[in-house]
PDB file of N, CA and C in Angstrom:
ATOM      1  N   GLN A   1     -10.037   3.819  24.489  1.00  0.00           N
ATOM      2  CA  GLN A   1     -10.866   3.099  24.786  1.00  0.00           C
ATOM      3  C   GLN A   1     -11.888   3.116  23.110  1.00  0.00           C
ATOM      4  N   PHE A   2     -12.036   2.557  23.105  1.00  0.00           N
ATOM      5  CA  PHE A   2     -13.283   1.965  21.726  1.00  0.00           C
ATOM      6  C   PHE A   2     -14.402   1.596  21.944  1.00  0.00           C
ATOM      7  N   LYS A   3     -15.592   1.591  22.076  1.00  0.00           N
ATOM      8  CA  LYS A   3     -16.627   1.055  22.206  1.00  0.00           C
ATOM      9  C   LYS A   3     -16.576   0.636  23.352  1.00  0.00           C
ATOM     10  N   GLY A   4     -16.314   1.050  24.699  1.00  0.00           N
ATOM     11  CA  GLY A   4     -16.131   0.345  25.615  1.00  0.00           C
ATOM     12  C   GLY A   4     -14.989  -0.379  26.243  1.00  0.00           C
ATOM     13  N   ARG A   5     -14.190  -0.584  25.145  1.00  0.00           N
ATOM     14  CA  ARG A   5     -13.092  -1.226  25.233  1.00  0.00           C
ATOM     15  C   ARG A   5     -11.500  -0.755  25.463  1.00  0.00           C
ATOM     16  N   GLU A   6     -11.020  -1.130  26.196  1.00  0.00           N
ATOM     17  CA  GLU A   6      -9.637  -0.543  26.703  1.00  0.00           C
ATOM     18  C   GLU A   6      -8.735  -1.715  25.417  1.00  0.00           C
ATOM     19  N   ILE A   7      -8.172  -0.443  24.197  1.00  0.00           N
ATOM     20  CA  ILE A   7      -7.278  -1.047  23.628  1.00  0.00           C
ATOM     21  C   ILE A   7      -5.584  -0.541  23.857  1.00  0.00           C
ATOM     22  N   ILE A   8      -5.055  -1.203  23.661  1.00  0.00           N
ATOM     23  CA  ILE A   8      -3.380  -1.193  23.791  1.00  0.00           C
ATOM     24  C   ILE A   8      -2.934  -0.889  22.657  1.00  0.00           C
ATOM     25  N   ILE A   9      -1.760   0.377  22.915  1.00  0.00           N
ATOM     26  CA  ILE A   9      -1.357   1.023  22.037  1.00  0.00           C
ATOM     27  C   ILE A   9       0.306   0.667  22.371  1.00  0.00           C
ATOM     28  N   GLN A  10       0.932   0.373  21.858  1.00  0.00           N
ATOM     29  CA  GLN A  10       2.346  -0.052  22.314  1.00  0.00           C
ATOM     30  C   GLN A  10       3.266   0.686  20.951  1.00  0.00           C
ATOM     31  N   GLU A  11       4.871   1.097  21.524  1.00  0.00           N
ATOM     32  CA  GLU A  11       5.127   1.590  20.518  1.00  0.00           C
ATOM     33  C   GLU A  11       6.034   0.482  19.283  1.00  0.00           C
ATOM     34  N   ALA A  12       6.444   0.802  18.193  1.00  0.00           N
ATOM     35  CA  ALA A  12       6.603   0.235  17.239  1.00  0.00           C
ATOM     36  C   ALA A  12       7.807  -0.169  17.497  1.00  0.00           C
ATOM     37  N   LYS A  13       8.347  -1.759  17.293  1.00  0.00           N
ATOM     38  CA  LYS A  13      10.043  -1.909  17.825  1.00  0.00           C
ATOM     39  C   LYS A  13      10.473  -2.829  16.312  1.00  0.00           C
ATOM     40  N   THR A  14      11.632  -2.916  16.681  1.00  0.00           N
ATOM     41  CA  THR A  14      11.818  -4.007  15.239  1.00  0.00           C
ATOM     42  C   THR A  14      11.801  -5.218  15.701  1.00  0.00           C
ATOM     43  N   THR A  15      11.336  -5.741  16.766  1.00  0.00           N
ATOM     44  CA  THR A  15      10.657  -6.796  17.019  1.00  0.00           C
ATOM     45  C   THR A  15       9.436  -7.396  16.860  1.00  0.00           C
ATOM     46  N   SER A  16       8.712  -5.919  16.677  1.00  0.00           N
ATOM     47  CA  SER A  16       6.950  -5.974  16.765  1.00  0.00           C
ATOM     48  C   SER A  16       6.194  -6.974  15.975  1.00  0.00           C
ATOM     49  N   PHE A  17       6.649  -7.522  15.230  1.00  0.00           N
ATOM     50  CA  PHE A  17       6.295  -8.250  14.294  1.00  0.00           C
ATOM     51  C   PHE A  17       6.162  -9.804  14.055  1.00  0.00           C
ATOM     52  N   GLU A  18       6.497 -10.221  15.015  1.00  0.00           N
ATOM     53  CA  GLU A  18       7.171 -11.565  15.104  1.00  0.00           C
ATOM     54  C   GLU A  18       5.528 -12.205  14.970  1.00  0.00           C
ATOM     55  N   GLY A  19       5.327 -13.256  14.749  1.00  0.00           N
ATOM     56  CA  GLY A  19       3.772 -13.500  14.551  1.00  0.00           C
ATOM     57  C   GLY A  19       2.233 -12.916  13.722  1.00  0.00           C
ATOM     58  N   VAL A  20       2.978 -11.639  13.250  1.00  0.00           N
ATOM     59  CA  VAL A  20       2.022 -11.086  12.630  1.00  0.00           C
ATOM     60  C   VAL A  20       1.817 -11.575  10.966  1.00  0.00           C
ATOM     61  N   ASP A  21       0.726 -11.775  10.498  1.00  0.00           N
ATOM     62  CA  ASP A  21       0.532 -12.037   9.159  1.00  0.00           C
ATOM     63  C   ASP A  21       0.960 -10.920   8.241  1.00  0.00           C
ATOM     64  N   ILE A  22      -0.045 -10.022   8.159  1.00  0.00           N
ATOM     65  CA  ILE A  22      -0.348  -9.016   7.516  1.00  0.00           C
ATOM     66  C   ILE A  22       0.248  -7.676   8.029  1.00  0.00           C
ATOM     67  N   ALA A  23       1.175  -7.051   7.589  1.00  0.00           N
ATOM     68  CA  ALA A  23       1.069  -5.431   8.309  1.00  0.00           C
ATOM     69  C   ALA A  23       1.146  -4.342   7.439  1.00  0.00           C
ATOM     70  N   PHE A  24      -0.108  -3.223   8.129  1.00  0.00           N
ATOM     71  CA  PHE A  24      -0.250  -2.116   7.321  1.00  0.00           C
ATOM     72  C   PHE A  24       0.488  -1.173   7.455  1.00  0.00           C
ATOM     73  N   PHE A  25       0.893  -0.685   6.454  1.00  0.00           N
ATOM     74  CA  PHE A  25       2.034   0.792   6.894  1.00  0.00           C
ATOM     75  C   PHE A  25       0.904   2.326   6.348  1.00  0.00           C
ATOM     76  N   SER A  26       1.336   3.132   7.221  1.00  0.00           N
ATOM     77  CA  SER A  26       0.828   4.331   6.603  1.00  0.00           C
ATOM     78  C   SER A  26       0.991   5.143   7.300  1.00  0.00           C
ATOM     79  N   ALA A  27       2.063   5.364   8.016  1.00  0.00           N
ATOM     80  CA  ALA A  27       2.291   6.552   9.169  1.00  0.00           C
ATOM     81  C   ALA A  27       3.454   7.528   8.641  1.00  0.00           C
ATOM     82  N   GLY A  28       3.797   7.323   6.680  1.00  0.00           N
ATOM     83  CA  GLY A  28       5.112   8.059   6.406  1.00  0.00           C
ATOM     84  C   GLY A  28       5.840   6.988   6.007  1.00  0.00           C
ATOM     85  N   GLY A  29       6.792   7.616   4.848  1.00  0.00           N
ATOM     86  CA  GLY A  29       7.902   6.429   4.633  1.00  0.00           C
ATOM     87  C   GLY A  29       8.868   6.914   5.777  1.00  0.00           C
ATOM     88  N   GLU A  30       8.828   7.450   6.837  1.00  0.00           N
ATOM     89  CA  GLU A  30      10.084   7.563   7.492  1.00  0.00           C
ATOM     90  C   GLU A  30       9.743   6.308   8.223  1.00  0.00           C
ATOM     91  N   VAL A  31       8.525   5.785   8.189  1.00  0.00           N
ATOM     92  CA  VAL A  31       8.528   4.690   9.652  1.00  0.00           C
ATOM     93  C   VAL A  31       8.472   3.180   8.703  1.00  0.00           C
ATOM     94  N   SER A  32       8.384   3.741   7.571  1.00  0.00           N
ATOM     95  CA  SER A  32       8.174   1.975   6.839  1.00  0.00           C
ATOM     96  C   SER A  32       9.704   2.116   6.572  1.00  0.00           C
ATOM     97  N   ARG A  33      10.497   2.548   5.878  1.00  0.00           N
ATOM     98  CA  ARG A  33      11.905   2.538   5.596  1.00  0.00           C
ATOM     99  C   ARG A  33      12.566   2.084   7.108  1.00  0.00           C
ATOM    100  N   GLN A  34      11.972   2.489   8.424  1.00  0.00           N
ATOM    101  CA  GLN A  34      12.550   1.919   9.519  1.00  0.00           C
ATOM    102  C   GLN A  34      11.793   0.337   9.349  1.00  0.00           C
ATOM    103  N   PHE A  35      10.626   0.307   9.238  1.00  0.00           N
ATOM    104  CA  PHE A  35      10.001  -0.873   9.577  1.00  0.00           C
ATOM    105  C   PHE A  35      10.038  -2.257   8.721  1.00  0.00           C
ATOM    106  N   VAL A  36       9.791  -1.715   7.595  1.00  0.00           N
ATOM    107  CA  VAL A  36       8.939  -3.067   6.607  1.00  0.00           C
ATOM    108  C   VAL A  36       9.958  -3.887   6.398  1.00  0.00           C
ATOM    109  N   ASN A  37      11.204  -3.720   6.189  1.00  0.00           N
ATOM    110  CA  ASN A  37      12.166  -4.958   6.125  1.00  0.00           C
ATOM    111  C   ASN A  37      12.099  -5.674   7.386  1.00  0.00           C
ATOM    112  N   HIS A  38      11.901  -5.235   8.603  1.00  0.00           N
ATOM    113  CA  HIS A  38      11.757  -6.116   9.888  1.00  0.00           C
ATOM    114  C   HIS A  38      10.820  -6.907   9.719  1.00  0.00           C
ATOM    115  N   ALA A  39       9.345  -6.285   9.344  1.00  0.00           N
ATOM    116  CA  ALA A  39       8.004  -7.046   9.483  1.00  0.00           C
ATOM    117  C   ALA A  39       8.174  -8.373   8.296  1.00  0.00           C
ATOM    118  N   VAL A  40       8.954  -7.738   7.194  1.00  0.00           N
ATOM    119  CA  VAL A  40       8.953  -9.187   6.129  1.00  0.00           C
ATOM    120  C   VAL A  40       9.766  -9.902   6.562  1.00  0.00           C
ATOM    121  N   THR A  41      10.733  -9.588   6.849  1.00  0.00           N
ATOM    122  CA  THR A  41      12.269 -11.054   7.865  1.00  0.00           C
ATOM    123  C   THR A  41      10.797 -11.779   8.881  1.00  0.00           C
ATOM    124  N   SER A  42      10.261 -10.979   9.572  1.00  0.00           N
ATOM    125  CA  SER A  42       9.807 -12.273  11.092  1.00  0.00           C
ATOM    126  C   SER A  42       8.426 -12.576   9.907  1.00  0.00           C
ATOM    127  N   GLY A  43       8.323 -12.332   8.485  1.00  0.00           N
ATOM    128  CA  GLY A  43       7.280 -13.282   7.690  1.00  0.00           C
ATOM    129  C   GLY A  43       6.194 -12.444   7.536  1.00  0.00           C
ATOM    130  N   ALA A  44       5.815 -11.491   7.999  1.00  0.00           N
ATOM    131  CA  ALA A  44       4.805 -10.643   7.436  1.00  0.00           C
ATOM    132  C   ALA A  44       4.369 -10.360   6.205  1.00  0.00           C
ATOM    133  N   ILE A  45       3.515 -10.164   5.564  1.00  0.00           N
ATOM    134  CA  ILE A  45       3.539  -9.291   4.401  1.00  0.00           C
ATOM    135  C   ILE A  45       2.969  -7.885   4.219  1.00  0.00           C
ATOM    136  N   VAL A  46       3.629  -7.208   3.833  1.00  0.00           N
ATOM    137  CA  VAL A  46       3.210  -5.944   4.013  1.00  0.00           C
ATOM    138  C   VAL A  46       2.393  -5.098   3.302  1.00  0.00           C
ATOM    139  N   ILE A  47       1.650  -4.259   3.233  1.00  0.00           N
ATOM    140  CA  ILE A  47       0.812  -3.609   2.640  1.00  0.00           C
ATOM    141  C   ILE A  47       1.043  -1.643   2.983  1.00  0.00           C
ATOM    142  N   ASP A  48       1.949  -1.255   1.929  1.00  0.00           N
ATOM    143  CA  ASP A  48       2.518  -0.212   2.533  1.00  0.00           C
ATOM    144  C   ASP A  48       1.578   1.052   1.786  1.00  0.00           C
ATOM    145  N   ASN A  49       1.340   2.136   2.471  1.00  0.00           N
ATOM    146  CA  ASN A  49       0.252   2.806   1.701  1.00  0.00           C
ATOM    147  C   ASN A  49       1.223   4.322   1.688  1.00  0.00           C
ATOM    148  N   THR A  50       2.580   4.177   1.904  1.00  0.00           N
ATOM    149  CA  THR A  50       2.895   5.297   2.054  1.00  0.00           C
ATOM    150  C   THR A  50       3.819   5.260   0.648  1.00  0.00           C
ATOM    151  N   SER A  51       4.380   6.224   0.383  1.00  0.00           N
ATOM    152  CA  SER A  51       5.244   6.280  -1.013  1.00  0.00           C
ATOM    153  C   SER A  51       6.422   5.865  -0.692  1.00  0.00           C
ATOM    154  N   GLU A  52       7.067   5.041  -0.041  1.00  0.00           N
ATOM    155  CA  GLU A  52       8.217   4.516   0.348  1.00  0.00           C
ATOM    156  C   GLU A  52       8.649   3.706  -0.759  1.00  0.00           C
ATOM    157  N   TYR A  53       7.657   2.910  -1.744  1.00  0.00           N
ATOM    158  CA  TYR A  53       7.987   1.310  -1.983  1.00  0.00           C
ATOM    159  C   TYR A  53       6.926   1.356  -3.462  1.00  0.00           C
ATOM    160  N   ARG A  54       6.147   2.910  -3.946  1.00  0.00           N
ATOM    161  CA  ARG A  54       5.415   2.661  -4.899  1.00  0.00           C
ATOM    162  C   ARG A  54       5.894   2.966  -6.230  1.00  0.00           C
ATOM    163  N   MET A  55       7.368   3.646  -6.178  1.00  0.00           N
ATOM    164  CA  MET A  55       8.287   3.170  -7.915  1.00  0.00           C
ATOM    165  C   MET A  55       9.498   2.170  -7.563  1.00  0.00           C
ATOM    166  N   ALA A  56       9.056   1.105  -6.499  1.00  0.00           N
ATOM    167  CA  ALA A  56      10.050   0.206  -6.583  1.00  0.00           C
ATOM    168  C   ALA A  56       9.995  -0.472  -7.561  1.00  0.00           C
ATOM    169  N   HIS A  57      10.703  -1.333  -8.214  1.00  0.00           N
ATOM    170  CA  HIS A  57      10.777  -2.047  -9.365  1.00  0.00           C
ATOM    171  C   HIS A  57      10.004  -3.631  -9.165  1.00  0.00           C
ATOM    172  N   ASP A  58      10.472  -3.803  -7.720  1.00  0.00           N
ATOM    173  CA  ASP A  58      10.684  -5.636  -7.364  1.00  0.00           C
ATOM    174  C   ASP A  58       9.013  -5.638  -6.743  1.00  0.00           C
ATOM    175  N   VAL A  59       8.172  -4.175  -6.690  1.00  0.00           N
ATOM    176  CA  VAL A  59       7.518  -4.185  -5.397  1.00  0.00           C
ATOM    177  C   VAL A  59       6.259  -4.172  -6.363  1.00  0.00           C
ATOM    178  N   PRO A  60       4.935  -4.906  -6.468  1.00  0.00           N
ATOM    179  CA  PRO A  60       3.921  -4.383  -7.396  1.00  0.00           C
ATOM    180  C   PRO A  60       2.897  -3.898  -6.550  1.00  0.00           C
ATOM    181  N   LEU A  61       2.386  -2.372  -7.729  1.00  0.00           N
ATOM    182  CA  LEU A  61       1.883  -1.609  -7.001  1.00  0.00           C
ATOM    183  C   LEU A  61       0.326  -2.124  -7.501  1.00  0.00           C
ATOM    184  N   VAL A  62      -0.506  -2.708  -6.297  1.00  0.00           N
ATOM    185  CA  VAL A  62      -1.920  -3.095  -6.498  1.00  0.00           C
ATOM    186  C   VAL A  62      -2.762  -2.308  -6.395  1.00  0.00           C
ATOM    187  N   VAL A  63      -3.894  -2.095  -6.935  1.00  0.00           N
ATOM    188  CA  VAL A  63      -5.259  -1.899  -7.027  1.00  0.00           C
ATOM    189  C   VAL A  63      -5.598  -3.099  -7.355  1.00  0.00           C
ATOM    190  N   PRO A  64      -6.634  -3.887  -5.768  1.00  0.00           N
ATOM    191  CA  PRO A  64      -7.118  -5.278  -6.220  1.00  0.00           C
ATOM    192  C   PRO A  64      -8.116  -5.245  -7.773  1.00  0.00           C
ATOM    193  N   GLU A  65      -9.100  -4.116  -7.646  1.00  0.00           N
ATOM    194  CA  GLU A  65     -10.249  -3.913  -8.631  1.00  0.00           C
ATOM    195  C   GLU A  65      -9.567  -3.941  -9.993  1.00  0.00           C
ATOM    196  N   VAL A  66      -8.296  -3.429 -10.529  1.00  0.00           N
ATOM    197  CA  VAL A  66      -7.867  -3.479 -11.361  1.00  0.00           C
ATOM    198  C   VAL A  66      -6.718  -4.398 -11.962  1.00  0.00           C
ATOM    199  N   ASN A  67      -6.016  -4.812 -10.915  1.00  0.00           N
ATOM    200  CA  ASN A  67      -4.279  -6.056 -11.589  1.00  0.00           C
ATOM    201  C   ASN A  67      -4.316  -6.591 -10.211  1.00  0.00           C
ATOM    202  N   ALA A  68      -5.484  -7.051  -9.663  1.00  0.00           N
ATOM    203  CA  ALA A  68      -5.465  -8.178  -8.464  1.00  0.00           C
ATOM    204  C   ALA A  68      -4.141  -9.303  -8.466  1.00  0.00           C
ATOM    205  N   HIS A  69      -4.098  -9.731  -9.926  1.00  0.00           N
ATOM    206  CA  HIS A  69      -3.371 -10.828 -10.661  1.00  0.00           C
ATOM    207  C   HIS A  69      -1.828 -10.369 -10.227  1.00  0.00           C
ATOM    208  N   THR A  70      -1.459  -9.264  -9.858  1.00  0.00           N
ATOM    209  CA  THR A  70      -0.124  -8.747  -9.534  1.00  0.00           C
ATOM    210  C   THR A  70       0.005  -9.394  -8.173  1.00  0.00           C
ATOM    211  N   LEU A  71      -0.790  -9.333  -7.332  1.00  0.00           N
ATOM    212  CA  LEU A  71      -0.329  -9.527  -5.771  1.00  0.00           C
ATOM    213  C   LEU A  71       0.257 -11.067  -5.867  1.00  0.00           C
ATOM    214  N   LYS A  72       0.538 -11.984  -6.650  1.00  0.00           N
ATOM    215  CA  LYS A  72       1.130 -13.217  -6.923  1.00  0.00           C
ATOM    216  C   LYS A  72       2.825 -12.733  -6.518  1.00  0.00           C
ATOM    217  N   GLU A  73       2.916 -11.790  -7.684  1.00  0.00           N
ATOM    218  CA  GLU A  73       4.356 -11.379  -7.831  1.00  0.00           C
ATOM    219  C   GLU A  73       5.123 -10.471  -6.571  1.00  0.00           C
ATOM    220  N   HIS A  74       4.552 -10.696  -5.488  1.00  0.00           N
ATOM    221  CA  HIS A  74       5.399  -9.758  -4.095  1.00  0.00           C
ATOM    222  C   HIS A  74       6.379 -10.208  -3.468  1.00  0.00           C
ATOM    223  N   ASN A  75       7.117  -9.995  -3.406  1.00  0.00           N
ATOM    224  CA  ASN A  75       8.835 -10.340  -2.155  1.00  0.00           C
ATOM    225  C   ASN A  75       7.908 -10.098  -0.853  1.00  0.00           C
ATOM    226  N   GLY A  76       7.336 -10.039  -0.315  1.00  0.00           N
ATOM    227  CA  GLY A  76       6.754  -9.274   0.783  1.00  0.00           C
ATOM    228  C   GLY A  76       6.216  -8.498   1.319  1.00  0.00           C
ATOM    229  N   ILE A  77       6.088  -7.146   0.310  1.00  0.00           N
ATOM    230  CA  ILE A  77       5.568  -5.790  -0.144  1.00  0.00           C
ATOM    231  C   ILE A  77       5.113  -5.971  -0.988  1.00  0.00           C
ATOM    232  N   ILE A  78       3.900  -5.139  -0.455  1.00  0.00           N
ATOM    233  CA  ILE A  78       2.650  -4.893  -1.942  1.00  0.00           C
ATOM    234  C   ILE A  78       2.235  -3.370  -1.047  1.00  0.00           C
ATOM    235  N   ALA A  79       2.743  -2.611  -2.731  1.00  0.00           N
ATOM    236  CA  ALA A  79       2.683  -0.778  -2.538  1.00  0.00           C
ATOM    237  C   ALA A  79       1.260  -0.566  -3.112  1.00  0.00           C
ATOM    238  N   VAL A  80       0.310   0.395  -2.541  1.00  0.00           N
ATOM    239  CA  VAL A  80      -0.384   1.342  -2.873  1.00  0.00           C
ATOM    240  C   VAL A  80      -0.348   2.401  -3.577  1.00  0.00           C
ATOM    241  N   PRO A  81      -1.073   2.998  -4.526  1.00  0.00           N
ATOM    242  CA  PRO A  81      -0.658   3.948  -5.411  1.00  0.00           C
ATOM    243  C   PRO A  81      -1.371   5.143  -4.174  1.00  0.00           C
ATOM    244  N   ASN A  82      -1.131   6.647  -4.752  1.00  0.00           N
ATOM    245  CA  ASN A  82      -1.313   7.713  -4.345  1.00  0.00           C
ATOM    246  C   ASN A  82      -3.188   7.730  -4.909  1.00  0.00           C
ATOM    247  N   CYS A  83      -3.853   8.358  -3.469  1.00  0.00           N
ATOM    248  CA  CYS A  83      -4.900   8.737  -3.594  1.00  0.00           C
ATOM    249  C   CYS A  83      -5.627   9.511  -5.068  1.00  0.00           C
ATOM    250  N   SER A  84      -4.734  10.346  -5.514  1.00  0.00           N
ATOM    251  CA  SER A  84      -5.410  10.765  -6.915  1.00  0.00           C
ATOM    252  C   SER A  84      -5.391   9.343  -7.953  1.00  0.00           C
ATOM    253  N   ALA A  85      -4.543   8.482  -8.113  1.00  0.00           N
ATOM    254  CA  ALA A  85      -4.348   7.263  -8.970  1.00  0.00           C
ATOM    255  C   ALA A  85      -5.515   6.290  -8.757  1.00  0.00           C
ATOM    256  N   LEU A  86      -5.220   5.715  -7.445  1.00  0.00           N
ATOM    257  CA  LEU A  86      -5.917   4.805  -7.015  1.00  0.00           C
ATOM    258  C   LEU A  86      -7.574   5.273  -7.643  1.00  0.00           C
ATOM    259  N   GLN A  87      -7.812   6.107  -7.312  1.00  0.00           N
ATOM    260  CA  GLN A  87      -9.539   6.618  -7.368  1.00  0.00           C
ATOM    261  C   GLN A  87      -9.243   6.834  -9.276  1.00  0.00           C
ATOM    262  N   MET A  88      -8.893   7.086  -9.978  1.00  0.00           N
ATOM    263  CA  MET A  88      -8.971   7.357 -11.620  1.00  0.00           C
ATOM    264  C   MET A  88      -8.807   5.771 -12.089  1.00  0.00           C
ATOM    265  N   VAL A  89      -7.906   5.179 -11.455  1.00  0.00           N
ATOM    266  CA  VAL A  89      -8.067   3.933 -12.257  1.00  0.00           C
ATOM    267  C   VAL A  89      -9.166   2.745 -11.842  1.00  0.00           C
ATOM    268  N   THR A  90      -9.552   2.937 -10.919  1.00  0.00           N
ATOM    269  CA  THR A  90     -10.456   2.531 -10.433  1.00  0.00           C
ATOM    270  C   THR A  90     -11.900   2.538 -11.306  1.00  0.00           C
ATOM    271  N   ALA A  91     -11.946   4.199 -11.466  1.00  0.00           N
ATOM    272  CA  ALA A  91     -13.216   4.353 -12.361  1.00  0.00           C
ATOM    273  C   ALA A  91     -12.338   4.111 -13.764  1.00  0.00           C
ATOM    274  N   LEU A  92     -11.574   4.290 -13.725  1.00  0.00           N
ATOM    275  CA  LEU A  92     -11.282   3.917 -15.656  1.00  0.00           C
ATOM    276  C   LEU A  92     -11.300   2.308 -15.941  1.00  0.00           C
ATOM    277  N   GLN A  93     -11.397   1.843 -14.972  1.00  0.00           N
ATOM    278  CA  GLN A  93     -11.072   0.020 -15.344  1.00  0.00           C
ATOM    279  C   GLN A  93     -12.302  -0.093 -16.037  1.00  0.00           C
ATOM    280  N   PRO A  94     -13.529  -0.191 -15.940  1.00  0.00           N
ATOM    281  CA  PRO A  94     -14.429  -0.376 -16.289  1.00  0.00           C
ATOM    282  C   PRO A  94     -14.285   0.190 -17.817  1.00  0.00           C
ATOM    283  N   ILE A  95     -14.097   1.172 -17.976  1.00  0.00           N
ATOM    284  CA  ILE A  95     -14.216   1.703 -19.555  1.00  0.00           C
ATOM    285  C   ILE A  95     -13.246   1.073 -20.198  1.00  0.00           C
ATOM    286  N   ARG A  96     -11.504   0.874 -19.723  1.00  0.00           N
ATOM    287  CA  ARG A  96     -11.031   0.585 -20.302  1.00  0.00           C
ATOM    288  C   ARG A  96     -11.281  -1.142 -20.707  1.00  0.00           C
ATOM    289  N   LYS A  97     -11.587  -1.647 -19.933  1.00  0.00           N
ATOM    290  CA  LYS A  97     -12.325  -3.510 -20.020  1.00  0.00           C
ATOM    291  C   LYS A  97     -13.071  -3.379 -20.791  1.00  0.00           C
ATOM    292  N   SER A  98     -14.184  -2.396 -21.700  1.00  0.00           N
ATOM    293  CA  SER A  98     -15.168  -1.829 -22.285  1.00  0.00           C
ATOM    294  C   SER A  98     -14.863  -1.335 -23.869  1.00  0.00           C
ATOM    295  N   PHE A  99     -14.024  -0.576 -23.636  1.00  0.00           N
ATOM    296  CA  PHE A  99     -13.724   0.089 -25.173  1.00  0.00           C
ATOM    297  C   PHE A  99     -12.182   0.405 -25.193  1.00  0.00           C
ATOM    298  N   GLY A 100     -11.551   0.157 -24.483  1.00  0.00           N
ATOM    299  CA  GLY A 100     -10.245   0.400 -24.536  1.00  0.00           C
ATOM    300  C   GLY A 100     -10.027   2.013 -24.535  1.00  0.00           C
ATOM    301  N   ILE A 101      -8.508   2.018 -23.869  1.00  0.00           N
ATOM    302  CA  ILE A 101      -8.283   3.530 -23.772  1.00  0.00           C
ATOM    303  C   ILE A 101      -7.240   4.064 -23.887  1.00  0.00           C
ATOM    304  N   GLU A 102      -6.455   4.776 -25.518  1.00  0.00           N
ATOM    305  CA  GLU A 102      -5.219   4.709 -25.349  1.00  0.00           C
ATOM    306  C   GLU A 102      -4.647   6.135 -25.237  1.00  0.00           C
ATOM    307  N   ARG A 103      -5.479   7.089 -24.666  1.00  0.00           N
ATOM    308  CA  ARG A 103      -4.551   8.212 -23.659  1.00  0.00           C
ATOM    309  C   ARG A 103      -5.176   8.848 -23.055  1.00  0.00           C
ATOM    310  N   ILE A 104      -4.629   8.796 -21.852  1.00  0.00           N
ATOM    311  CA  ILE A 104      -5.422  10.032 -20.552  1.00  0.00           C
ATOM    312  C   ILE A 104      -4.444  11.218 -20.557  1.00  0.00           C
ATOM    313  N   ILE A 105      -4.437  12.340 -20.215  1.00  0.00           N
ATOM    314  CA  ILE A 105      -3.734  13.211 -19.887  1.00  0.00           C
ATOM    315  C   ILE A 105      -4.793  13.865 -18.679  1.00  0.00           C
ATOM    316  N   VAL A 106      -3.625  13.604 -17.337  1.00  0.00           N
ATOM    317  CA  VAL A 106      -4.249  13.668 -15.882  1.00  0.00           C
ATOM    318  C   VAL A 106      -3.454  15.287 -15.291  1.00  0.00           C
ATOM    319  N   SER A 107      -4.063  16.121 -14.517  1.00  0.00           N
ATOM    320  CA  SER A 107      -3.658  16.883 -13.984  1.00  0.00           C
ATOM    321  C   SER A 107      -3.956  16.900 -12.447  1.00  0.00           C
ATOM    322  N   THR A 108      -3.339  16.501 -11.826  1.00  0.00           N
ATOM    323  CA  THR A 108      -3.745  16.862 -10.078  1.00  0.00           C
ATOM    324  C   THR A 108      -3.197  17.999  -9.457  1.00  0.00           C
ATOM    325  N   TYR A 109      -4.200  18.440  -8.602  1.00  0.00           N
ATOM    326  CA  TYR A 109      -3.497  19.760  -7.759  1.00  0.00           C
ATOM    327  C   TYR A 109      -3.881  19.464  -5.798  1.00  0.00           C
ATOM    328  N   GLN A 110      -2.288  19.284  -5.187  1.00  0.00           N
ATOM    329  CA  GLN A 110      -2.760  18.546  -3.966  1.00  0.00           C
ATOM    330  C   GLN A 110      -2.168  19.523  -3.398  1.00  0.00           C
ATOM    331  N   ALA A 111      -2.473  19.694  -1.915  1.00  0.00           N
ATOM    332  CA  ALA A 111      -1.540  20.178  -0.878  1.00  0.00           C
ATOM    333  C   ALA A 111      -0.495  19.956  -0.690  1.00  0.00           C
ATOM    334  N   VAL A 112       0.971  21.472   0.020  1.00  0.00           N
ATOM    335  CA  VAL A 112       1.780  20.743  -0.050  1.00  0.00           C
ATOM    336  C   VAL A 112       1.887  20.562   1.391  1.00  0.00           C
ATOM    337  N   SER A 113       0.733  20.748   2.274  1.00  0.00           N
ATOM    338  CA  SER A 113       1.401  20.484   3.741  1.00  0.00           C
ATOM    339  C   SER A 113       0.544  19.215   4.248  1.00  0.00           C
TER     340      SER A 113
END
């Protein structure tokens, strides 16, 4: 239940995406590997928040505040950068726009679990 309303949760299947306009994936790369293509084939636009498509050459890696124009180039899948990159480019965009940026050196330390 959520706010007193019953919510039905169903197991995802390859046929679960018929009639879906936008499908968000955030359950890990294996789930994206298993279902994203089925969602796209069914006509959904996929926004994938896993690492599965981040390095794919034909999938735009989009932070709307930074490069929303690349949304026009999607083939049904839109990838989201990891948390460190997302926060960094969002914060740096106004600086880049106003003054330009030549070089940035970044180190991140993330949990392995």
